[in-house]
Amino acid sequence: MIKKTVLTVLLAATVAGSVLAPAGFAQAQEYDRYGDWRDAPRRHHRHHDGNAIIGGVAAGLIGGMIGGAIANGGPVYAAPPPPRCWYESRPVQNEYDDGWHYERMRVCD
C-alpha cells in the first residue's frame, strides 16, 4: 500500500515538473550583445567548473538508491523447508488382547 502511494506521488511530481518547466528555444545562430547575428567564430569560451556534472551524477545516484529501495520492497520472508518424513515399522499395542503388533507409520523430523 505504501509502495503504491510513494510511486504515485513520484509519478505525479515528475509529470507536474515536466508540464510546468519552461521550454526554451534552440538557436543555431550566434548573436552578439546588441542582438545582431555574427558569422565570425566565437571569441569567448566559457569554462564550466563541473558543478552541473557533479550535481547530475549525484542526483542520479541518489535517485537510483531511492528507486532501488522502493522496488526492492525490503526483506522477504522465506518459508522454512518442509519437514523430512519417512515410513517405519513401529510396535503398537493391541486394543483387545494387550498384545503388540507392528504397523507402518509416518515419522517426520
Protein backbone atom coordinates (compact mmCIF):
# COMPACT_ATOMS: atom_id res chain seq x y z
CA MET A 1 0.00 0.00 0.00
CA ILE A 2 2.75 2.45 0.94
CA LYS A 3 4.80 1.43 -2.09
CA LYS A 4 1.93 2.26 -4.44
CA THR A 5 1.36 5.59 -2.73
CA VAL A 6 5.04 6.59 -2.94
CA LEU A 7 5.24 5.57 -6.61
CA THR A 8 2.05 7.52 -7.39
CA VAL A 9 3.41 10.66 -5.69
CA LEU A 10 6.74 10.37 -7.53
CA LEU A 11 4.96 9.90 -10.86
CA ALA A 12 2.70 12.89 -10.22
CA ALA A 13 5.70 15.05 -9.26
CA THR A 14 7.53 14.01 -12.43
CA VAL A 15 4.57 14.80 -14.67
CA ALA A 16 3.89 18.12 -12.93
CA GLY A 17 7.55 19.10 -13.18
CA SER A 18 7.71 18.34 -16.88
CA VAL A 19 4.49 20.22 -17.59
CA LEU A 20 5.40 23.30 -15.55
CA ALA A 21 9.04 23.55 -16.70
CA PRO A 22 9.57 26.40 -19.14
CA ALA A 23 10.71 25.35 -22.57
CA GLY A 24 13.48 27.39 -24.19
CA PHE A 25 14.06 27.94 -27.88
CA ALA A 26 17.01 26.30 -29.58
CA GLN A 27 19.02 28.69 -31.68
CA ALA A 28 21.72 27.74 -34.11
CA GLN A 29 22.93 31.32 -34.72
CA GLU A 30 25.22 33.29 -32.50
CA TYR A 31 24.15 36.81 -31.54
CA ASP A 32 26.38 39.48 -30.12
CA ARG A 33 25.37 41.62 -27.20
CA TYR A 34 23.40 44.01 -29.43
CA GLY A 35 21.26 41.24 -30.90
CA ASP A 36 23.00 41.14 -34.28
CA TRP A 37 23.89 37.86 -35.87
CA ARG A 38 27.59 37.27 -36.25
CA ASP A 39 29.18 34.93 -38.74
CA ALA A 40 32.54 35.16 -37.01
CA PRO A 41 33.81 32.38 -34.79
CA ARG A 42 33.31 32.71 -31.08
CA ARG A 43 35.91 34.74 -29.29
CA HIS A 44 34.96 33.77 -25.79
CA HIS A 45 34.97 30.24 -24.50
CA ARG A 46 33.06 29.50 -21.33
CA HIS A 47 34.81 27.25 -18.90
CA HIS A 48 32.48 25.10 -16.86
CA ASP A 49 33.63 24.20 -13.41
CA GLY A 50 31.90 20.80 -13.42
CA ASN A 51 29.32 21.57 -10.74
CA ALA A 52 26.46 20.76 -13.10
CA ILE A 53 28.02 17.42 -14.00
CA ILE A 54 28.71 16.55 -10.36
CA GLY A 55 25.17 17.57 -9.42
CA GLY A 56 23.70 15.42 -12.18
CA VAL A 57 25.75 12.38 -11.19
CA ALA A 58 24.84 12.84 -7.52
CA ALA A 59 21.14 13.21 -8.36
CA GLY A 60 21.29 10.06 -10.50
CA LEU A 61 22.97 8.06 -7.73
CA ILE A 62 20.58 9.25 -5.04
CA GLY A 63 17.57 8.69 -7.29
CA GLY A 64 18.84 5.22 -8.15
CA MET A 65 19.25 4.32 -4.49
CA ILE A 66 15.77 5.56 -3.62
CA GLY A 67 14.23 3.83 -6.63
CA GLY A 68 16.06 0.61 -5.84
CA ALA A 69 14.87 0.70 -2.23
CA ILE A 70 11.29 1.23 -3.37
CA ALA A 71 11.48 -1.51 -5.99
CA ASN A 72 13.15 -3.97 -3.63
CA GLY A 73 10.38 -3.74 -1.05
CA GLY A 74 12.53 -4.75 1.92
CA PRO A 75 13.24 -8.18 3.37
CA VAL A 76 11.22 -11.10 2.10
CA TYR A 77 10.04 -13.89 4.41
CA ALA A 78 11.22 -17.28 3.23
CA ALA A 79 9.14 -20.20 4.43
CA PRO A 80 11.08 -22.93 6.21
CA PRO A 81 11.69 -26.10 4.21
CA PRO A 82 9.10 -28.83 4.61
CA PRO A 83 9.90 -31.47 7.23
CA ARG A 84 11.74 -34.57 6.12
CA CYS A 85 9.46 -37.61 6.54
CA TRP A 86 9.75 -41.37 6.03
CA TYR A 87 7.90 -44.58 6.97
CA GLU A 88 8.99 -47.01 9.69
CA SER A 89 7.52 -50.12 11.24
CA ARG A 90 6.72 -49.33 14.88
CA PRO A 91 5.32 -51.54 17.62
CA VAL A 92 1.71 -50.72 18.55
CA GLN A 93 -0.26 -52.20 21.45
CA ASN A 94 -3.40 -54.14 20.53
CA GLU A 95 -6.64 -52.70 21.90
CA TYR A 96 -8.33 -56.03 22.70
CA ASP A 97 -5.78 -58.54 24.00
CA ASP A 98 -2.98 -56.33 25.39
CA GLY A 99 -0.61 -57.75 22.81
CA TRP A 100 1.69 -55.93 20.39
CA HIS A 101 1.87 -55.81 16.63
CA TYR A 102 3.83 -53.72 14.10
CA GLU A 103 2.29 -51.03 11.96
CA ARG A 104 3.86 -48.95 9.26
CA MET A 105 3.88 -45.28 10.49
CA ARG A 106 4.95 -42.00 9.01
CA VAL A 107 7.80 -40.40 11.00
CA CYS A 108 8.97 -36.79 10.49
CA ASP A 109 11.88 -34.73 11.85
